[in-house]
């Protein structure tokens, strides 16, 4: 979640159905109701990033126009696309489309980082003296950031180009399915290091219990 002074909270992706309880619990811990979210930036329209969009009744949603084309043309071929959920979003009156290679949305810089899907985009932030990149599945894990080799991508070549662009710009990378990653540069050498441990939180809502597993 991103907070800007004087503005409604912004959510970057909505995670999947399995993480719905954890998402709402975390927002509650931050003192935010789901009705308070004013903007949801959907990096791409895969089930593990987008299906909880109906939880936010007052939000404006942003997708890249190339992602919409992908949903409409390839929604049945790309099995990670919950195509059956798109018409309600399209017809909600609250969907706005990004176009081009980069721009500003709700005061935040975004860049088109296709590959995993054609319309995937990332958010670029300057925070605490570092350049942060919220990249979703542009980079899913530390291995992809180090090697440029990706799994589960619609276009290998575009994925490599997008990862290279992130690697050149960012100091801190927030990947789609891993820890915070720091890029350290010494001369011509580039090193990628995790900033924290990988932890899976398991929440049992009906028992009000929470377990954490380090991996």
N, C-alpha and C. Protein backbone atom coordinates (compact mmCIF):
# COMPACT_ATOMS: atom_id res chain seq x y z
N UNK A 1 0.84 -1.19 0.00
CA UNK A 1 0.00 0.00 0.00
C UNK A 1 0.87 1.25 0.00
N UNK A 2 0.43 2.27 -0.72
CA UNK A 2 1.16 3.54 -0.81
C UNK A 2 0.28 4.64 -0.26
N UNK A 3 0.85 5.42 0.63
CA UNK A 3 0.12 6.55 1.20
C UNK A 3 0.80 7.85 0.78
N UNK A 4 0.00 8.78 0.28
CA UNK A 4 0.48 10.11 -0.05
C UNK A 4 -0.30 11.13 0.75
N UNK A 5 0.38 12.17 1.21
CA UNK A 5 -0.27 13.15 2.08
C UNK A 5 -1.47 13.78 1.38
N UNK A 6 -2.60 13.74 2.08
CA UNK A 6 -3.81 14.37 1.57
C UNK A 6 -4.56 13.57 0.53
N UNK A 7 -4.13 12.32 0.28
CA UNK A 7 -4.78 11.50 -0.74
C UNK A 7 -5.22 10.17 -0.14
N UNK A 8 -6.17 9.55 -0.81
CA UNK A 8 -6.63 8.23 -0.38
C UNK A 8 -5.53 7.19 -0.60
N UNK A 9 -5.50 6.14 0.21
CA UNK A 9 -4.49 5.10 0.04
C UNK A 9 -4.56 4.43 -1.34
N UNK A 10 -3.39 4.03 -1.81
CA UNK A 10 -3.26 3.36 -3.11
C UNK A 10 -2.79 1.93 -2.88
N UNK A 11 -3.43 1.00 -3.56
CA UNK A 11 -3.04 -0.40 -3.46
C UNK A 11 -2.42 -0.83 -4.79
N UNK A 12 -1.27 -1.51 -4.70
CA UNK A 12 -0.62 -2.06 -5.89
C UNK A 12 -0.88 -3.56 -5.91
N UNK A 13 -1.78 -3.99 -6.78
CA UNK A 13 -2.24 -5.37 -6.87
C UNK A 13 -3.09 -5.75 -5.66
N UNK A 14 -3.83 -6.85 -5.81
CA UNK A 14 -4.79 -7.23 -4.76
C UNK A 14 -4.57 -8.65 -4.24
N UNK A 15 -3.48 -9.29 -4.63
CA UNK A 15 -3.18 -10.70 -4.32
C UNK A 15 -4.33 -11.61 -4.76
N UNK A 16 -4.24 -12.89 -4.40
CA UNK A 16 -5.23 -13.87 -4.86
C UNK A 16 -6.25 -14.22 -3.79
N UNK A 17 -7.16 -15.11 -4.16
CA UNK A 17 -8.19 -15.51 -3.21
C UNK A 17 -7.59 -16.11 -1.94
N UNK A 18 -6.53 -16.89 -2.08
CA UNK A 18 -5.94 -17.53 -0.90
C UNK A 18 -5.40 -16.52 0.10
N UNK A 19 -5.01 -15.35 -0.39
CA UNK A 19 -4.42 -14.32 0.48
C UNK A 19 -5.43 -13.25 0.88
N UNK A 20 -6.69 -13.46 0.57
CA UNK A 20 -7.69 -12.43 0.84
C UNK A 20 -7.76 -12.09 2.33
N UNK A 21 -7.78 -13.11 3.18
CA UNK A 21 -7.84 -12.85 4.62
C UNK A 21 -6.63 -12.09 5.10
N UNK A 22 -5.44 -12.47 4.63
CA UNK A 22 -4.22 -11.78 5.03
C UNK A 22 -4.23 -10.33 4.57
N UNK A 23 -4.73 -10.09 3.36
CA UNK A 23 -4.80 -8.72 2.84
C UNK A 23 -5.68 -7.84 3.72
N UNK A 24 -6.87 -8.32 4.03
CA UNK A 24 -7.79 -7.51 4.84
C UNK A 24 -7.27 -7.33 6.26
N UNK A 25 -6.62 -8.36 6.79
CA UNK A 25 -6.03 -8.24 8.14
C UNK A 25 -4.93 -7.19 8.15
N UNK A 26 -4.09 -7.21 7.12
CA UNK A 26 -2.98 -6.24 7.06
C UNK A 26 -3.50 -4.82 6.92
N UNK A 27 -4.52 -4.62 6.10
CA UNK A 27 -5.10 -3.29 5.96
C UNK A 27 -5.68 -2.82 7.30
N UNK A 28 -6.33 -3.73 8.00
CA UNK A 28 -6.90 -3.39 9.31
C UNK A 28 -5.81 -2.99 10.28
N UNK A 29 -4.68 -3.71 10.24
CA UNK A 29 -3.55 -3.37 11.12
C UNK A 29 -3.01 -1.97 10.82
N UNK A 30 -3.15 -1.56 9.58
CA UNK A 30 -2.66 -0.24 9.17
C UNK A 30 -3.72 0.85 9.38
N UNK A 31 -4.87 0.45 9.90
CA UNK A 31 -5.93 1.41 10.16
C UNK A 31 -6.69 1.83 8.92
N UNK A 32 -6.71 0.96 7.91
CA UNK A 32 -7.36 1.28 6.63
C UNK A 32 -8.50 0.30 6.39
N UNK A 33 -9.68 0.83 6.12
CA UNK A 33 -10.81 0.01 5.69
C UNK A 33 -10.76 -0.16 4.18
N UNK A 34 -11.33 -1.25 3.70
CA UNK A 34 -11.28 -1.48 2.25
C UNK A 34 -12.03 -0.39 1.49
N UNK A 35 -13.01 0.25 2.15
CA UNK A 35 -13.74 1.36 1.52
C UNK A 35 -12.88 2.61 1.38
N UNK A 36 -11.77 2.66 2.12
CA UNK A 36 -10.90 3.84 2.09
C UNK A 36 -9.96 3.85 0.88
N UNK A 37 -9.74 2.69 0.27
CA UNK A 37 -8.80 2.60 -0.84
C UNK A 37 -9.37 3.36 -2.04
N UNK A 38 -8.62 4.36 -2.50
CA UNK A 38 -9.11 5.20 -3.61
C UNK A 38 -8.60 4.79 -4.97
N UNK A 39 -7.47 4.08 -4.98
CA UNK A 39 -6.86 3.67 -6.25
C UNK A 39 -6.31 2.26 -6.10
N UNK A 40 -6.56 1.41 -7.10
CA UNK A 40 -5.94 0.10 -7.17
C UNK A 40 -5.20 0.01 -8.50
N UNK A 41 -3.88 -0.13 -8.41
CA UNK A 41 -3.04 -0.27 -9.59
C UNK A 41 -2.88 -1.76 -9.87
N UNK A 42 -3.50 -2.24 -10.92
CA UNK A 42 -3.42 -3.65 -11.29
C UNK A 42 -2.27 -3.82 -12.27
N UNK A 43 -1.16 -4.35 -11.78
CA UNK A 43 0.02 -4.48 -12.62
C UNK A 43 -0.26 -5.32 -13.85
N UNK A 44 -1.09 -6.36 -13.69
CA UNK A 44 -1.52 -7.22 -14.78
C UNK A 44 -2.73 -8.00 -14.29
N UNK A 45 -3.40 -8.69 -15.20
CA UNK A 45 -4.67 -9.31 -14.83
C UNK A 45 -4.54 -10.82 -14.72
N UNK A 46 -3.64 -11.25 -13.81
CA UNK A 46 -3.55 -12.67 -13.45
C UNK A 46 -4.26 -12.88 -12.12
N UNK A 47 -4.74 -14.09 -11.92
CA UNK A 47 -5.59 -14.37 -10.76
C UNK A 47 -4.92 -14.07 -9.43
N UNK A 48 -3.61 -14.28 -9.33
CA UNK A 48 -2.93 -14.09 -8.05
C UNK A 48 -2.56 -12.64 -7.78
N UNK A 49 -2.97 -11.74 -8.67
CA UNK A 49 -2.68 -10.32 -8.48
C UNK A 49 -3.93 -9.44 -8.58
N UNK A 50 -4.99 -9.97 -9.19
CA UNK A 50 -6.11 -9.08 -9.52
C UNK A 50 -7.48 -9.49 -9.01
N UNK A 51 -7.67 -10.74 -8.60
CA UNK A 51 -9.05 -11.21 -8.39
C UNK A 51 -9.77 -10.56 -7.21
N UNK A 52 -9.04 -9.94 -6.30
CA UNK A 52 -9.71 -9.31 -5.15
C UNK A 52 -10.14 -7.87 -5.42
N UNK A 53 -10.10 -7.45 -6.67
CA UNK A 53 -10.49 -6.06 -6.95
C UNK A 53 -11.91 -5.74 -6.47
N UNK A 54 -12.89 -6.70 -6.46
CA UNK A 54 -14.24 -6.32 -6.01
C UNK A 54 -14.30 -5.93 -4.53
N UNK A 55 -13.26 -6.19 -3.77
CA UNK A 55 -13.27 -5.82 -2.35
C UNK A 55 -13.23 -4.31 -2.14
N UNK A 56 -12.92 -3.55 -3.18
CA UNK A 56 -12.65 -2.12 -3.01
C UNK A 56 -13.68 -1.30 -3.80
N UNK A 57 -14.83 -1.04 -3.17
CA UNK A 57 -15.97 -0.46 -3.89
C UNK A 57 -15.81 0.99 -4.30
N UNK A 58 -14.85 1.70 -3.71
CA UNK A 58 -14.68 3.12 -4.01
C UNK A 58 -13.42 3.42 -4.82
N UNK A 59 -12.76 2.38 -5.27
CA UNK A 59 -11.48 2.57 -5.94
C UNK A 59 -11.65 2.76 -7.44
N UNK A 60 -10.71 3.53 -8.01
CA UNK A 60 -10.50 3.55 -9.45
C UNK A 60 -9.40 2.54 -9.76
N UNK A 61 -9.60 1.75 -10.80
CA UNK A 61 -8.65 0.69 -11.15
C UNK A 61 -7.90 1.07 -12.42
N UNK A 62 -6.61 0.74 -12.44
CA UNK A 62 -5.79 1.05 -13.60
C UNK A 62 -5.17 -0.22 -14.18
N UNK A 63 -5.39 -0.44 -15.47
CA UNK A 63 -4.73 -1.48 -16.24
C UNK A 63 -4.07 -0.82 -17.45
N UNK A 64 -3.03 -1.45 -17.98
CA UNK A 64 -2.45 -0.96 -19.22
C UNK A 64 -3.32 -1.43 -20.38
N UNK A 65 -3.41 -0.59 -21.42
CA UNK A 65 -4.26 -0.94 -22.55
C UNK A 65 -3.82 -2.24 -23.24
N UNK A 66 -2.51 -2.55 -23.21
CA UNK A 66 -2.05 -3.80 -23.82
C UNK A 66 -2.50 -5.01 -23.01
N UNK A 67 -2.73 -4.82 -21.71
CA UNK A 67 -3.24 -5.92 -20.89
C UNK A 67 -4.70 -6.20 -21.23
N UNK A 68 -5.45 -5.15 -21.48
CA UNK A 68 -6.85 -5.32 -21.88
C UNK A 68 -6.93 -6.08 -23.21
N UNK A 69 -6.08 -5.71 -24.15
CA UNK A 69 -6.04 -6.42 -25.43
C UNK A 69 -5.69 -7.89 -25.21
N UNK A 70 -4.74 -8.14 -24.30
CA UNK A 70 -4.35 -9.51 -23.98
C UNK A 70 -5.53 -10.30 -23.39
N UNK A 71 -6.27 -9.69 -22.48
CA UNK A 71 -7.43 -10.35 -21.88
C UNK A 71 -8.45 -10.71 -22.96
N UNK A 72 -8.72 -9.75 -23.82
CA UNK A 72 -9.76 -9.93 -24.83
C UNK A 72 -9.35 -10.95 -25.90
N UNK A 73 -8.06 -10.96 -26.25
CA UNK A 73 -7.61 -11.83 -27.34
C UNK A 73 -7.07 -13.17 -26.87
N UNK A 74 -6.50 -13.20 -25.66
CA UNK A 74 -5.80 -14.39 -25.20
C UNK A 74 -6.29 -14.91 -23.85
N UNK A 75 -7.42 -14.40 -23.40
CA UNK A 75 -7.90 -14.75 -22.07
C UNK A 75 -8.13 -16.25 -21.88
N UNK A 76 -8.49 -16.94 -22.94
CA UNK A 76 -8.69 -18.38 -22.82
C UNK A 76 -7.38 -19.14 -22.93
N UNK A 77 -6.43 -18.62 -23.69
CA UNK A 77 -5.13 -19.30 -23.86
C UNK A 77 -4.24 -19.11 -22.63
N UNK A 78 -4.27 -17.92 -22.04
CA UNK A 78 -3.49 -17.65 -20.83
C UNK A 78 -4.35 -18.05 -19.64
N UNK A 79 -4.10 -19.24 -19.12
CA UNK A 79 -4.97 -19.81 -18.09
C UNK A 79 -4.88 -19.08 -16.75
N UNK A 80 -3.90 -18.21 -16.59
CA UNK A 80 -3.80 -17.44 -15.35
C UNK A 80 -4.70 -16.20 -15.36
N UNK A 81 -5.28 -15.90 -16.52
CA UNK A 81 -6.18 -14.75 -16.62
C UNK A 81 -7.59 -15.16 -16.19
N UNK A 82 -8.14 -14.53 -15.14
CA UNK A 82 -9.53 -14.82 -14.76
C UNK A 82 -10.48 -14.04 -15.67
N UNK A 83 -10.56 -14.48 -16.91
CA UNK A 83 -11.28 -13.72 -17.93
C UNK A 83 -12.75 -13.51 -17.55
N UNK A 84 -13.31 -14.44 -16.79
CA UNK A 84 -14.72 -14.32 -16.41
C UNK A 84 -14.96 -13.15 -15.46
N UNK A 85 -13.90 -12.63 -14.84
CA UNK A 85 -14.04 -11.51 -13.91
C UNK A 85 -13.83 -10.17 -14.59
N UNK A 86 -13.35 -10.18 -15.82
CA UNK A 86 -13.04 -8.90 -16.47
C UNK A 86 -14.28 -8.09 -16.87
N UNK A 87 -15.35 -8.68 -17.42
CA UNK A 87 -16.49 -7.85 -17.84
C UNK A 87 -17.04 -6.95 -16.73
N UNK A 88 -17.12 -7.47 -15.51
CA UNK A 88 -17.64 -6.64 -14.41
C UNK A 88 -16.73 -5.45 -14.15
N UNK A 89 -15.42 -5.66 -14.26
CA UNK A 89 -14.48 -4.54 -14.09
C UNK A 89 -14.61 -3.56 -15.23
N UNK A 90 -14.66 -4.08 -16.45
CA UNK A 90 -14.79 -3.23 -17.64
C UNK A 90 -16.03 -2.35 -17.58
N UNK A 91 -17.13 -2.92 -17.08
CA UNK A 91 -18.41 -2.22 -17.09
C UNK A 91 -18.68 -1.45 -15.80
N UNK A 92 -17.71 -1.42 -14.89
CA UNK A 92 -17.93 -0.79 -13.58
C UNK A 92 -17.95 0.73 -13.65
N UNK A 93 -17.40 1.30 -14.73
CA UNK A 93 -17.26 2.75 -14.79
C UNK A 93 -16.09 3.27 -13.99
N UNK A 94 -15.29 2.34 -13.43
CA UNK A 94 -14.16 2.75 -12.58
C UNK A 94 -12.82 2.21 -13.10
N UNK A 95 -12.80 1.78 -14.36
CA UNK A 95 -11.57 1.29 -14.96
C UNK A 95 -10.97 2.36 -15.86
N UNK A 96 -9.70 2.69 -15.60
CA UNK A 96 -8.96 3.62 -16.45
C UNK A 96 -7.77 2.88 -17.05
N UNK A 97 -7.42 3.26 -18.28
CA UNK A 97 -6.35 2.57 -18.99
C UNK A 97 -5.12 3.44 -19.13
N UNK A 98 -3.96 2.82 -18.89
CA UNK A 98 -2.68 3.45 -19.15
C UNK A 98 -2.26 3.11 -20.57
N UNK A 99 -1.51 4.01 -21.21
CA UNK A 99 -1.05 3.75 -22.56
C UNK A 99 0.38 4.24 -22.72
N UNK A 100 1.08 3.64 -23.66
CA UNK A 100 2.45 4.04 -23.92
C UNK A 100 3.45 3.28 -23.08
N UNK A 101 4.69 3.81 -23.04
CA UNK A 101 5.79 3.12 -22.37
C UNK A 101 6.02 3.60 -20.95
N UNK A 102 5.54 4.78 -20.59
CA UNK A 102 5.73 5.28 -19.23
C UNK A 102 4.81 6.46 -19.02
N UNK A 103 4.70 6.85 -17.75
CA UNK A 103 3.85 8.00 -17.45
C UNK A 103 3.71 8.19 -15.96
N UNK A 104 2.72 8.96 -15.57
CA UNK A 104 2.43 9.25 -14.17
C UNK A 104 0.97 8.91 -13.91
N UNK A 105 0.72 8.15 -12.85
CA UNK A 105 -0.64 7.81 -12.47
C UNK A 105 -0.80 8.10 -10.98
N UNK A 106 -1.77 8.93 -10.65
CA UNK A 106 -2.02 9.31 -9.25
C UNK A 106 -0.73 9.80 -8.58
N UNK A 107 0.07 10.55 -9.32
CA UNK A 107 1.30 11.12 -8.76
C UNK A 107 2.47 10.16 -8.71
N UNK A 108 2.33 8.95 -9.24
CA UNK A 108 3.38 7.94 -9.20
C UNK A 108 3.89 7.66 -10.61
N UNK A 109 5.19 7.48 -10.74
CA UNK A 109 5.79 7.13 -12.02
C UNK A 109 5.58 5.66 -12.32
N UNK A 110 5.16 5.35 -13.53
CA UNK A 110 5.02 3.96 -13.94
C UNK A 110 5.78 3.73 -15.23
N UNK A 111 6.17 2.47 -15.45
CA UNK A 111 6.88 2.10 -16.67
C UNK A 111 6.33 0.77 -17.16
N UNK A 112 6.13 0.67 -18.45
CA UNK A 112 5.64 -0.56 -19.07
C UNK A 112 6.76 -1.59 -19.04
N UNK A 113 6.52 -2.74 -18.41
CA UNK A 113 7.54 -3.79 -18.29
C UNK A 113 6.95 -5.12 -18.76
N UNK A 114 6.70 -5.24 -20.04
CA UNK A 114 6.01 -6.43 -20.57
C UNK A 114 6.91 -7.66 -20.60
N UNK A 115 6.27 -8.78 -20.86
CA UNK A 115 6.97 -10.05 -20.94
C UNK A 115 6.13 -11.13 -20.30
N UNK A 116 6.06 -11.08 -18.98
CA UNK A 116 5.20 -12.03 -18.26
C UNK A 116 3.79 -11.97 -18.82
N UNK A 117 3.27 -10.76 -18.99
CA UNK A 117 2.09 -10.51 -19.81
C UNK A 117 2.39 -9.28 -20.67
N UNK A 118 1.65 -9.08 -21.76
CA UNK A 118 1.95 -7.95 -22.64
C UNK A 118 1.74 -6.58 -22.02
N UNK A 119 0.84 -6.49 -21.03
CA UNK A 119 0.52 -5.17 -20.49
C UNK A 119 1.00 -4.93 -19.07
N UNK A 120 1.93 -5.74 -18.59
CA UNK A 120 2.40 -5.59 -17.22
C UNK A 120 3.15 -4.26 -17.06
N UNK A 121 2.90 -3.57 -15.95
CA UNK A 121 3.63 -2.34 -15.67
C UNK A 121 4.13 -2.33 -14.23
N UNK A 122 5.16 -1.52 -13.99
CA UNK A 122 5.80 -1.40 -12.68
C UNK A 122 5.70 0.04 -12.19
N UNK A 123 5.84 0.21 -10.88
CA UNK A 123 5.81 1.53 -10.26
C UNK A 123 7.22 1.88 -9.77
N UNK A 124 7.66 3.09 -10.04
CA UNK A 124 8.99 3.55 -9.65
C UNK A 124 8.85 4.64 -8.59
N UNK A 125 9.57 4.48 -7.48
CA UNK A 125 9.47 5.40 -6.36
C UNK A 125 10.85 5.81 -5.86
N UNK A 126 10.97 7.05 -5.42
CA UNK A 126 12.14 7.49 -4.65
C UNK A 126 11.72 7.52 -3.19
N UNK A 127 12.39 6.70 -2.37
CA UNK A 127 11.98 6.56 -0.97
C UNK A 127 13.22 6.35 -0.11
N UNK A 128 13.37 7.21 0.90
CA UNK A 128 14.48 7.13 1.84
C UNK A 128 15.84 7.07 1.13
N UNK A 129 15.96 7.90 0.10
CA UNK A 129 17.24 8.02 -0.60
C UNK A 129 17.55 6.88 -1.55
N UNK A 130 16.59 5.99 -1.78
CA UNK A 130 16.80 4.84 -2.67
C UNK A 130 15.74 4.87 -3.78
N UNK A 131 16.09 4.26 -4.90
CA UNK A 131 15.16 4.09 -6.00
C UNK A 131 14.50 2.72 -5.87
N UNK A 132 13.21 2.74 -5.61
CA UNK A 132 12.44 1.51 -5.42
C UNK A 132 11.64 1.20 -6.68
N UNK A 133 11.60 -0.08 -7.03
CA UNK A 133 10.78 -0.53 -8.16
C UNK A 133 9.82 -1.61 -7.67
N UNK A 134 8.53 -1.31 -7.74
CA UNK A 134 7.49 -2.29 -7.44
C UNK A 134 7.17 -2.98 -8.76
N UNK A 135 7.68 -4.19 -8.94
CA UNK A 135 7.71 -4.76 -10.29
C UNK A 135 6.71 -5.90 -10.52
N UNK A 136 6.02 -6.34 -9.46
CA UNK A 136 5.09 -7.46 -9.61
C UNK A 136 5.82 -8.62 -10.30
N UNK A 137 5.21 -9.22 -11.32
CA UNK A 137 5.81 -10.41 -11.94
C UNK A 137 6.74 -10.08 -13.11
N UNK A 138 7.11 -8.82 -13.26
CA UNK A 138 8.23 -8.50 -14.15
C UNK A 138 9.44 -9.29 -13.68
N UNK A 139 9.62 -9.30 -12.36
CA UNK A 139 10.64 -10.12 -11.69
C UNK A 139 9.92 -10.87 -10.58
N UNK A 140 9.85 -12.17 -10.70
CA UNK A 140 9.11 -12.93 -9.69
C UNK A 140 9.96 -13.29 -8.48
N UNK A 141 11.29 -13.41 -8.68
CA UNK A 141 12.15 -13.87 -7.59
C UNK A 141 13.60 -13.47 -7.84
N UNK A 142 14.44 -13.76 -6.88
CA UNK A 142 15.84 -13.35 -6.94
C UNK A 142 16.58 -13.99 -8.12
N UNK A 143 16.25 -15.23 -8.43
CA UNK A 143 16.92 -15.91 -9.54
C UNK A 143 16.66 -15.19 -10.85
N UNK A 144 15.43 -14.75 -11.08
CA UNK A 144 15.12 -14.05 -12.32
C UNK A 144 15.84 -12.72 -12.42
N UNK A 145 15.98 -12.01 -11.29
CA UNK A 145 16.67 -10.73 -11.31
C UNK A 145 18.16 -10.91 -11.60
N UNK A 146 18.75 -11.96 -11.05
CA UNK A 146 20.18 -12.22 -11.25
C UNK A 146 20.47 -12.68 -12.68
N UNK A 147 19.68 -13.62 -13.17
CA UNK A 147 20.01 -14.27 -14.45
C UNK A 147 19.31 -13.67 -15.66
N UNK A 148 18.17 -13.04 -15.43
CA UNK A 148 17.36 -12.57 -16.54
C UNK A 148 16.55 -13.67 -17.20
N UNK A 149 16.70 -14.89 -16.70
CA UNK A 149 15.96 -16.03 -17.23
C UNK A 149 14.68 -16.21 -16.40
N UNK A 150 13.55 -16.33 -17.10
CA UNK A 150 12.27 -16.34 -16.40
C UNK A 150 11.47 -17.59 -16.69
N UNK A 151 10.60 -17.91 -15.76
CA UNK A 151 9.62 -18.98 -15.96
C UNK A 151 8.25 -18.35 -16.13
N UNK A 152 7.36 -19.06 -16.79
CA UNK A 152 5.97 -18.62 -16.94
C UNK A 152 5.87 -17.20 -17.49
N UNK A 153 6.38 -17.02 -18.70
CA UNK A 153 6.29 -15.72 -19.35
C UNK A 153 5.62 -15.85 -20.71
N UNK A 154 4.91 -14.84 -21.11
CA UNK A 154 4.25 -14.83 -22.41
C UNK A 154 5.26 -14.57 -23.52
N UNK A 155 6.34 -13.80 -23.19
CA UNK A 155 7.33 -13.42 -24.21
C UNK A 155 8.70 -13.35 -23.54
N UNK A 156 9.55 -14.34 -23.79
CA UNK A 156 10.86 -14.41 -23.14
C UNK A 156 11.72 -13.18 -23.42
N UNK A 157 11.77 -12.77 -24.67
CA UNK A 157 12.64 -11.66 -25.05
C UNK A 157 12.23 -10.36 -24.36
N UNK A 158 10.93 -10.09 -24.33
CA UNK A 158 10.45 -8.86 -23.68
C UNK A 158 10.67 -8.93 -22.17
N UNK A 159 10.55 -10.12 -21.59
CA UNK A 159 10.83 -10.27 -20.16
C UNK A 159 12.28 -9.90 -19.85
N UNK A 160 13.20 -10.40 -20.66
CA UNK A 160 14.61 -10.08 -20.43
C UNK A 160 14.88 -8.58 -20.57
N UNK A 161 14.27 -7.95 -21.56
CA UNK A 161 14.43 -6.51 -21.73
C UNK A 161 13.90 -5.74 -20.52
N UNK A 162 12.74 -6.16 -20.01
CA UNK A 162 12.13 -5.48 -18.87
C UNK A 162 12.97 -5.66 -17.61
N UNK A 163 13.48 -6.88 -17.39
CA UNK A 163 14.32 -7.13 -16.22
C UNK A 163 15.60 -6.29 -16.30
N UNK A 164 16.18 -6.18 -17.48
CA UNK A 164 17.38 -5.37 -17.65
C UNK A 164 17.11 -3.91 -17.34
N UNK A 165 15.95 -3.41 -17.76
CA UNK A 165 15.59 -2.02 -17.47
C UNK A 165 15.45 -1.79 -15.97
N UNK A 166 14.79 -2.73 -15.29
CA UNK A 166 14.65 -2.63 -13.83
C UNK A 166 16.02 -2.66 -13.17
N UNK A 167 16.87 -3.55 -13.62
CA UNK A 167 18.20 -3.73 -13.03
C UNK A 167 19.06 -2.48 -13.18
N UNK A 168 18.88 -1.76 -14.27
CA UNK A 168 19.66 -0.55 -14.52
C UNK A 168 19.18 0.61 -13.65
N UNK A 169 17.87 0.64 -13.34
CA UNK A 169 17.32 1.80 -12.67
C UNK A 169 17.28 1.66 -11.15
N UNK A 170 16.88 0.50 -10.68
CA UNK A 170 16.45 0.36 -9.28
C UNK A 170 17.61 0.09 -8.32
N UNK A 171 17.42 0.52 -7.07
CA UNK A 171 18.26 0.11 -5.95
C UNK A 171 17.59 -1.00 -5.15
N UNK A 172 16.27 -0.87 -4.98
CA UNK A 172 15.48 -1.86 -4.24
C UNK A 172 14.37 -2.36 -5.16
N UNK A 173 14.26 -3.67 -5.25
CA UNK A 173 13.23 -4.27 -6.10
C UNK A 173 12.24 -5.04 -5.21
N UNK A 174 10.97 -4.77 -5.42
CA UNK A 174 9.91 -5.50 -4.74
C UNK A 174 9.32 -6.48 -5.77
N UNK A 175 9.76 -7.76 -5.73
CA UNK A 175 9.33 -8.71 -6.75
C UNK A 175 7.93 -9.26 -6.49
N UNK A 176 7.45 -10.03 -7.46
CA UNK A 176 6.09 -10.56 -7.33
C UNK A 176 5.95 -11.67 -6.33
N UNK A 177 7.03 -12.46 -6.13
CA UNK A 177 6.89 -13.65 -5.29
C UNK A 177 8.18 -13.95 -4.53
N UNK A 178 8.74 -12.92 -3.89
CA UNK A 178 9.98 -13.13 -3.15
C UNK A 178 10.17 -11.99 -2.17
N UNK A 179 11.32 -11.98 -1.55
CA UNK A 179 11.69 -10.96 -0.57
C UNK A 179 12.02 -9.63 -1.26
N UNK A 180 12.23 -8.59 -0.43
CA UNK A 180 12.83 -7.36 -0.94
C UNK A 180 14.24 -7.66 -1.41
N UNK A 181 14.61 -7.14 -2.57
CA UNK A 181 15.93 -7.39 -3.14
C UNK A 181 16.66 -6.08 -3.36
N UNK A 182 17.92 -6.04 -2.95
CA UNK A 182 18.74 -4.85 -3.14
C UNK A 182 19.77 -5.10 -4.24
N UNK A 183 19.92 -4.11 -5.13
CA UNK A 183 20.92 -4.17 -6.18
C UNK A 183 22.10 -3.30 -5.75
N UNK A 184 23.25 -3.93 -5.60
CA UNK A 184 24.46 -3.21 -5.18
C UNK A 184 25.44 -3.15 -6.35
N UNK A 185 25.94 -1.96 -6.63
CA UNK A 185 26.83 -1.75 -7.76
C UNK A 185 28.19 -1.29 -7.28
N UNK A 186 29.23 -1.98 -7.75
CA UNK A 186 30.61 -1.60 -7.46
C UNK A 186 31.36 -1.61 -8.78
N UNK A 187 31.61 -0.41 -9.32
CA UNK A 187 32.23 -0.35 -10.63
C UNK A 187 31.33 -1.01 -11.66
N UNK A 188 31.88 -2.00 -12.35
CA UNK A 188 31.11 -2.73 -13.36
C UNK A 188 30.37 -3.94 -12.78
N UNK A 189 30.59 -4.22 -11.50
CA UNK A 189 29.97 -5.39 -10.89
C UNK A 189 28.61 -5.04 -10.30
N UNK A 190 27.67 -5.95 -10.49
CA UNK A 190 26.32 -5.80 -9.95
C UNK A 190 26.00 -7.03 -9.12
N UNK A 191 25.59 -6.79 -7.87
CA UNK A 191 25.26 -7.88 -6.96
C UNK A 191 23.83 -7.71 -6.49
N UNK A 192 23.08 -8.81 -6.43
CA UNK A 192 21.71 -8.79 -5.94
C UNK A 192 21.66 -9.52 -4.61
N UNK A 193 21.14 -8.84 -3.59
CA UNK A 193 21.11 -9.41 -2.25
C UNK A 193 19.71 -9.28 -1.66
N UNK A 194 19.22 -10.33 -0.96
CA UNK A 194 17.93 -10.20 -0.25
C UNK A 194 18.09 -9.29 0.96
N UNK A 195 17.06 -8.49 1.22
CA UNK A 195 17.09 -7.58 2.36
C UNK A 195 16.42 -8.17 3.59
N UNK A 196 15.64 -9.22 3.41
CA UNK A 196 14.95 -9.82 4.54
C UNK A 196 14.73 -11.30 4.27
N UNK A 197 14.25 -12.01 5.27
CA UNK A 197 14.00 -13.44 5.12
C UNK A 197 12.69 -13.67 4.38
N UNK A 198 12.60 -14.83 3.75
CA UNK A 198 11.33 -15.26 3.17
C UNK A 198 10.49 -15.90 4.27
N UNK A 199 9.31 -15.34 4.48
CA UNK A 199 8.41 -15.84 5.52
C UNK A 199 7.02 -16.01 4.93
N UNK A 200 6.42 -17.15 5.18
CA UNK A 200 5.03 -17.38 4.80
C UNK A 200 4.17 -17.27 6.05
N UNK A 201 3.19 -16.36 6.01
CA UNK A 201 2.24 -16.22 7.11
C UNK A 201 0.99 -17.03 6.78
N UNK A 202 0.62 -17.89 7.70
CA UNK A 202 -0.60 -18.69 7.55
C UNK A 202 -1.61 -18.21 8.58
N UNK A 203 -2.73 -17.70 8.09
CA UNK A 203 -3.77 -17.15 8.96
C UNK A 203 -4.98 -18.07 8.94
N UNK A 204 -5.46 -18.41 10.13
CA UNK A 204 -6.68 -19.22 10.27
C UNK A 204 -7.75 -18.32 10.86
N UNK A 205 -8.55 -17.65 9.98
CA UNK A 205 -9.46 -16.62 10.47
C UNK A 205 -10.48 -17.13 11.48
N UNK A 206 -11.00 -18.35 11.27
CA UNK A 206 -12.06 -18.83 12.17
C UNK A 206 -11.53 -19.21 13.56
N UNK A 207 -10.19 -19.30 13.67
CA UNK A 207 -9.58 -19.55 14.97
C UNK A 207 -8.82 -18.35 15.50
N UNK A 208 -8.76 -17.28 14.71
CA UNK A 208 -8.00 -16.08 15.06
C UNK A 208 -6.56 -16.45 15.40
N UNK A 209 -5.97 -17.31 14.58
CA UNK A 209 -4.60 -17.75 14.81
C UNK A 209 -3.75 -17.43 13.58
N UNK A 210 -2.46 -17.24 13.83
CA UNK A 210 -1.53 -16.92 12.75
C UNK A 210 -0.23 -17.66 12.98
N UNK A 211 0.29 -18.30 11.93
CA UNK A 211 1.54 -19.01 11.99
C UNK A 211 2.50 -18.44 10.95
N UNK A 212 3.78 -18.40 11.26
CA UNK A 212 4.77 -17.93 10.32
C UNK A 212 5.80 -19.03 10.09
N UNK A 213 6.14 -19.26 8.81
CA UNK A 213 7.11 -20.26 8.43
C UNK A 213 8.21 -19.60 7.62
N UNK A 214 9.46 -19.73 8.08
CA UNK A 214 10.59 -19.19 7.33
C UNK A 214 11.04 -20.22 6.30
N UNK A 215 11.30 -19.74 5.08
CA UNK A 215 11.73 -20.63 4.02
C UNK A 215 13.01 -20.12 3.36
